[in-house]
């Protein structure tokens, strides 16, 4: 039986290999450069993708491998909050 959370992963696998990182990088840069409320949703999407990927790999990771993933998500969320607050 197929895991429901893996369905988007199949769709991504059918795309060119360079597309997901380029789109994620473009969203991240747009989030950093766009003013305030326009940049925050881009950064929230990046954090959501990172969180989803962390969720998929979480059971197979050791503790020292989990910490950087959580920190990465937290940093992107802090950046999103900073964009909303005008920094």
N, C-alpha and C. Protein backbone atom coordinates (compact mmCIF):
# COMPACT_ATOMS: atom_id res chain seq x y z
N UNK A 1 0.84 -1.19 0.00
CA UNK A 1 0.00 0.00 0.00
C UNK A 1 0.88 1.25 0.00
N UNK A 2 0.53 2.19 -0.77
CA UNK A 2 1.31 3.41 -0.96
C UNK A 2 1.03 4.41 0.15
N UNK A 3 2.09 5.02 0.66
CA UNK A 3 1.91 6.09 1.65
C UNK A 3 1.36 7.32 0.96
N UNK A 4 0.37 7.93 1.55
CA UNK A 4 -0.29 9.09 0.95
C UNK A 4 0.67 10.27 0.82
N UNK A 5 1.59 10.42 1.77
CA UNK A 5 2.51 11.56 1.73
C UNK A 5 3.57 11.41 0.66
N UNK A 6 3.71 10.24 0.08
CA UNK A 6 4.73 10.02 -0.95
C UNK A 6 4.23 10.34 -2.35
N UNK A 7 2.95 10.60 -2.53
CA UNK A 7 2.40 10.87 -3.86
C UNK A 7 3.05 12.09 -4.50
N UNK A 8 3.20 13.23 -3.80
CA UNK A 8 3.91 14.35 -4.43
C UNK A 8 5.36 14.02 -4.76
N UNK A 9 5.94 13.09 -4.02
CA UNK A 9 7.30 12.68 -4.29
C UNK A 9 7.41 11.99 -5.65
N UNK A 10 6.41 11.20 -5.99
CA UNK A 10 6.37 10.55 -7.30
C UNK A 10 6.25 11.60 -8.40
N UNK A 11 5.39 12.59 -8.18
CA UNK A 11 5.23 13.67 -9.16
C UNK A 11 6.55 14.41 -9.35
N UNK A 12 7.23 14.72 -8.24
CA UNK A 12 8.52 15.41 -8.33
C UNK A 12 9.57 14.56 -9.05
N UNK A 13 9.52 13.26 -8.82
CA UNK A 13 10.50 12.37 -9.46
C UNK A 13 10.33 12.34 -10.97
N UNK A 14 9.13 12.63 -11.45
CA UNK A 14 8.88 12.62 -12.89
C UNK A 14 9.31 13.92 -13.57
N UNK A 15 9.65 14.92 -12.81
CA UNK A 15 10.13 16.20 -13.34
C UNK A 15 11.63 16.13 -13.57
N UNK A 16 12.17 17.06 -14.38
CA UNK A 16 13.63 17.09 -14.53
C UNK A 16 14.31 17.27 -13.18
N UNK A 17 15.45 16.66 -13.00
CA UNK A 17 16.16 16.68 -11.72
C UNK A 17 16.55 18.07 -11.24
N UNK A 18 16.74 19.00 -12.14
CA UNK A 18 17.16 20.34 -11.77
C UNK A 18 16.00 21.23 -11.34
N UNK A 19 14.76 20.84 -11.66
CA UNK A 19 13.62 21.72 -11.43
C UNK A 19 13.30 21.98 -9.94
N UNK A 20 13.17 20.96 -9.10
CA UNK A 20 12.83 21.25 -7.70
C UNK A 20 13.83 22.15 -6.97
N UNK A 21 15.15 21.91 -7.09
CA UNK A 21 16.06 22.82 -6.40
C UNK A 21 16.04 24.25 -6.95
N UNK A 22 15.83 24.39 -8.24
CA UNK A 22 15.77 25.73 -8.84
C UNK A 22 14.53 26.46 -8.35
N UNK A 23 13.38 25.79 -8.32
CA UNK A 23 12.15 26.41 -7.85
C UNK A 23 12.27 26.77 -6.37
N UNK A 24 12.83 25.86 -5.57
CA UNK A 24 13.01 26.12 -4.15
C UNK A 24 13.97 27.29 -3.92
N UNK A 25 15.04 27.33 -4.68
CA UNK A 25 15.98 28.45 -4.58
C UNK A 25 15.35 29.77 -5.00
N UNK A 26 14.54 29.73 -6.05
CA UNK A 26 13.86 30.95 -6.51
C UNK A 26 12.86 31.43 -5.46
N UNK A 27 12.15 30.51 -4.84
CA UNK A 27 11.21 30.89 -3.78
C UNK A 27 11.96 31.50 -2.59
N UNK A 28 13.09 30.91 -2.25
CA UNK A 28 13.88 31.42 -1.13
C UNK A 28 14.39 32.83 -1.42
N UNK A 29 14.95 33.03 -2.60
CA UNK A 29 15.44 34.36 -2.97
C UNK A 29 14.29 35.37 -3.06
N UNK A 30 13.17 34.96 -3.62
CA UNK A 30 12.01 35.86 -3.70
C UNK A 30 11.55 36.22 -2.30
N UNK A 31 11.57 35.26 -1.39
CA UNK A 31 11.17 35.52 -0.02
C UNK A 31 12.09 36.50 0.68
N UNK A 32 13.37 36.45 0.37
CA UNK A 32 14.32 37.37 0.99
C UNK A 32 14.29 38.76 0.37
N UNK A 33 13.97 38.83 -0.91
CA UNK A 33 14.04 40.12 -1.61
C UNK A 33 12.70 40.85 -1.67
N UNK A 34 11.61 40.12 -1.65
CA UNK A 34 10.29 40.77 -1.75
C UNK A 34 9.98 41.50 -0.45
N UNK A 35 9.30 42.61 -0.56
CA UNK A 35 8.98 43.37 0.65
C UNK A 35 7.91 42.69 1.50
N UNK A 36 8.14 42.71 2.80
CA UNK A 36 7.19 42.30 3.84
C UNK A 36 6.29 41.14 3.55
N UNK A 37 4.99 41.44 3.44
CA UNK A 37 3.98 40.41 3.31
C UNK A 37 4.07 39.63 2.00
N UNK A 38 4.80 40.11 1.03
CA UNK A 38 4.96 39.36 -0.22
C UNK A 38 6.03 38.28 -0.10
N UNK A 39 7.04 38.55 0.70
CA UNK A 39 8.13 37.60 0.85
C UNK A 39 7.84 36.47 1.82
N UNK A 40 7.04 36.74 2.82
CA UNK A 40 6.77 35.75 3.85
C UNK A 40 6.13 34.47 3.31
N UNK A 41 5.12 34.54 2.43
CA UNK A 41 4.55 33.28 1.92
C UNK A 41 5.56 32.43 1.15
N UNK A 42 6.47 33.07 0.44
CA UNK A 42 7.50 32.32 -0.27
C UNK A 42 8.37 31.55 0.71
N UNK A 43 8.77 32.23 1.80
CA UNK A 43 9.60 31.57 2.81
C UNK A 43 8.81 30.49 3.54
N UNK A 44 7.52 30.70 3.75
CA UNK A 44 6.70 29.67 4.39
C UNK A 44 6.58 28.44 3.50
N UNK A 45 6.51 28.63 2.20
CA UNK A 45 6.50 27.48 1.28
C UNK A 45 7.81 26.70 1.35
N UNK A 46 8.92 27.43 1.42
CA UNK A 46 10.22 26.77 1.53
C UNK A 46 10.28 25.97 2.83
N UNK A 47 9.84 26.57 3.94
CA UNK A 47 9.83 25.86 5.22
C UNK A 47 8.91 24.64 5.16
N UNK A 48 7.78 24.76 4.47
CA UNK A 48 6.87 23.62 4.35
C UNK A 48 7.50 22.47 3.57
N UNK A 49 8.22 22.79 2.51
CA UNK A 49 8.90 21.74 1.74
C UNK A 49 9.99 21.09 2.59
N UNK A 50 10.77 21.90 3.29
CA UNK A 50 11.79 21.34 4.18
C UNK A 50 11.16 20.46 5.26
N UNK A 51 10.05 20.92 5.82
CA UNK A 51 9.37 20.14 6.84
C UNK A 51 8.82 18.83 6.30
N UNK A 52 8.28 18.87 5.09
CA UNK A 52 7.76 17.66 4.47
C UNK A 52 8.88 16.66 4.21
N UNK A 53 9.99 17.13 3.68
CA UNK A 53 11.12 16.24 3.44
C UNK A 53 11.68 15.68 4.74
N UNK A 54 11.73 16.49 5.78
CA UNK A 54 12.19 16.01 7.08
C UNK A 54 11.22 14.95 7.62
N UNK A 55 9.91 15.17 7.43
CA UNK A 55 8.91 14.20 7.87
C UNK A 55 9.11 12.85 7.18
N UNK A 56 9.40 12.88 5.89
CA UNK A 56 9.57 11.64 5.14
C UNK A 56 10.80 10.86 5.58
N UNK A 57 11.86 11.56 5.96
CA UNK A 57 13.11 10.89 6.33
C UNK A 57 13.27 10.67 7.82
N UNK A 58 12.40 11.25 8.64
CA UNK A 58 12.56 11.25 10.10
C UNK A 58 12.78 9.87 10.71
N UNK A 59 11.99 8.84 10.36
CA UNK A 59 12.16 7.55 11.03
C UNK A 59 13.53 6.90 10.79
N UNK A 60 14.16 7.22 9.68
CA UNK A 60 15.44 6.58 9.37
C UNK A 60 16.65 7.37 9.85
N UNK A 61 16.43 8.50 10.49
CA UNK A 61 17.53 9.37 10.92
C UNK A 61 17.91 9.13 12.37
N UNK A 62 19.21 9.34 12.64
CA UNK A 62 19.68 9.33 14.01
C UNK A 62 19.53 10.74 14.57
N UNK A 63 19.70 10.87 15.89
CA UNK A 63 19.48 12.15 16.54
C UNK A 63 20.36 13.26 15.96
N UNK A 64 21.64 12.99 15.75
CA UNK A 64 22.53 14.03 15.23
C UNK A 64 22.23 14.41 13.79
N UNK A 65 21.46 13.60 13.08
CA UNK A 65 21.04 13.94 11.73
C UNK A 65 19.73 14.73 11.73
N UNK A 66 18.95 14.63 12.80
CA UNK A 66 17.68 15.33 12.89
C UNK A 66 17.86 16.80 13.25
N UNK A 67 18.85 17.10 14.08
CA UNK A 67 19.04 18.47 14.57
C UNK A 67 19.23 19.48 13.44
N UNK A 68 20.11 19.23 12.45
CA UNK A 68 20.27 20.23 11.38
C UNK A 68 18.98 20.46 10.57
N UNK A 69 18.19 19.43 10.40
CA UNK A 69 16.94 19.60 9.65
C UNK A 69 15.97 20.50 10.40
N UNK A 70 15.87 20.28 11.71
CA UNK A 70 14.99 21.13 12.51
C UNK A 70 15.50 22.56 12.52
N UNK A 71 16.81 22.74 12.67
CA UNK A 71 17.39 24.09 12.68
C UNK A 71 17.15 24.81 11.36
N UNK A 72 17.25 24.09 10.26
CA UNK A 72 17.03 24.69 8.94
C UNK A 72 15.59 25.20 8.83
N UNK A 73 14.64 24.41 9.29
CA UNK A 73 13.24 24.82 9.23
C UNK A 73 13.01 26.03 10.13
N UNK A 74 13.59 26.00 11.33
CA UNK A 74 13.43 27.12 12.27
C UNK A 74 14.02 28.40 11.70
N UNK A 75 15.18 28.32 11.08
CA UNK A 75 15.81 29.51 10.51
C UNK A 75 14.94 30.11 9.41
N UNK A 76 14.38 29.28 8.55
CA UNK A 76 13.53 29.80 7.47
C UNK A 76 12.26 30.41 8.05
N UNK A 77 11.70 29.80 9.09
CA UNK A 77 10.51 30.37 9.74
C UNK A 77 10.82 31.71 10.41
N UNK A 78 12.00 31.82 11.03
CA UNK A 78 12.41 33.09 11.64
C UNK A 78 12.57 34.15 10.56
N UNK A 79 13.12 33.79 9.42
CA UNK A 79 13.24 34.73 8.31
C UNK A 79 11.86 35.18 7.82
N UNK A 80 10.90 34.25 7.77
CA UNK A 80 9.54 34.62 7.35
C UNK A 80 8.92 35.61 8.34
N UNK A 81 9.09 35.36 9.62
CA UNK A 81 8.56 36.28 10.63
C UNK A 81 9.24 37.63 10.52
N UNK A 82 10.54 37.62 10.27
CA UNK A 82 11.28 38.89 10.10
C UNK A 82 10.76 39.67 8.90
N UNK A 83 10.39 38.98 7.83
CA UNK A 83 9.84 39.66 6.65
C UNK A 83 8.50 40.32 6.99
N UNK A 84 7.68 39.63 7.76
CA UNK A 84 6.38 40.17 8.14
C UNK A 84 6.56 41.40 9.04
N UNK A 85 7.56 41.35 9.91
CA UNK A 85 7.79 42.46 10.83
C UNK A 85 8.54 43.61 10.17
N UNK A 86 8.98 43.42 8.94
CA UNK A 86 9.60 44.51 8.19
C UNK A 86 11.12 44.55 8.23
N UNK A 87 11.75 43.49 8.66
CA UNK A 87 13.22 43.45 8.67
C UNK A 87 13.77 42.89 7.39
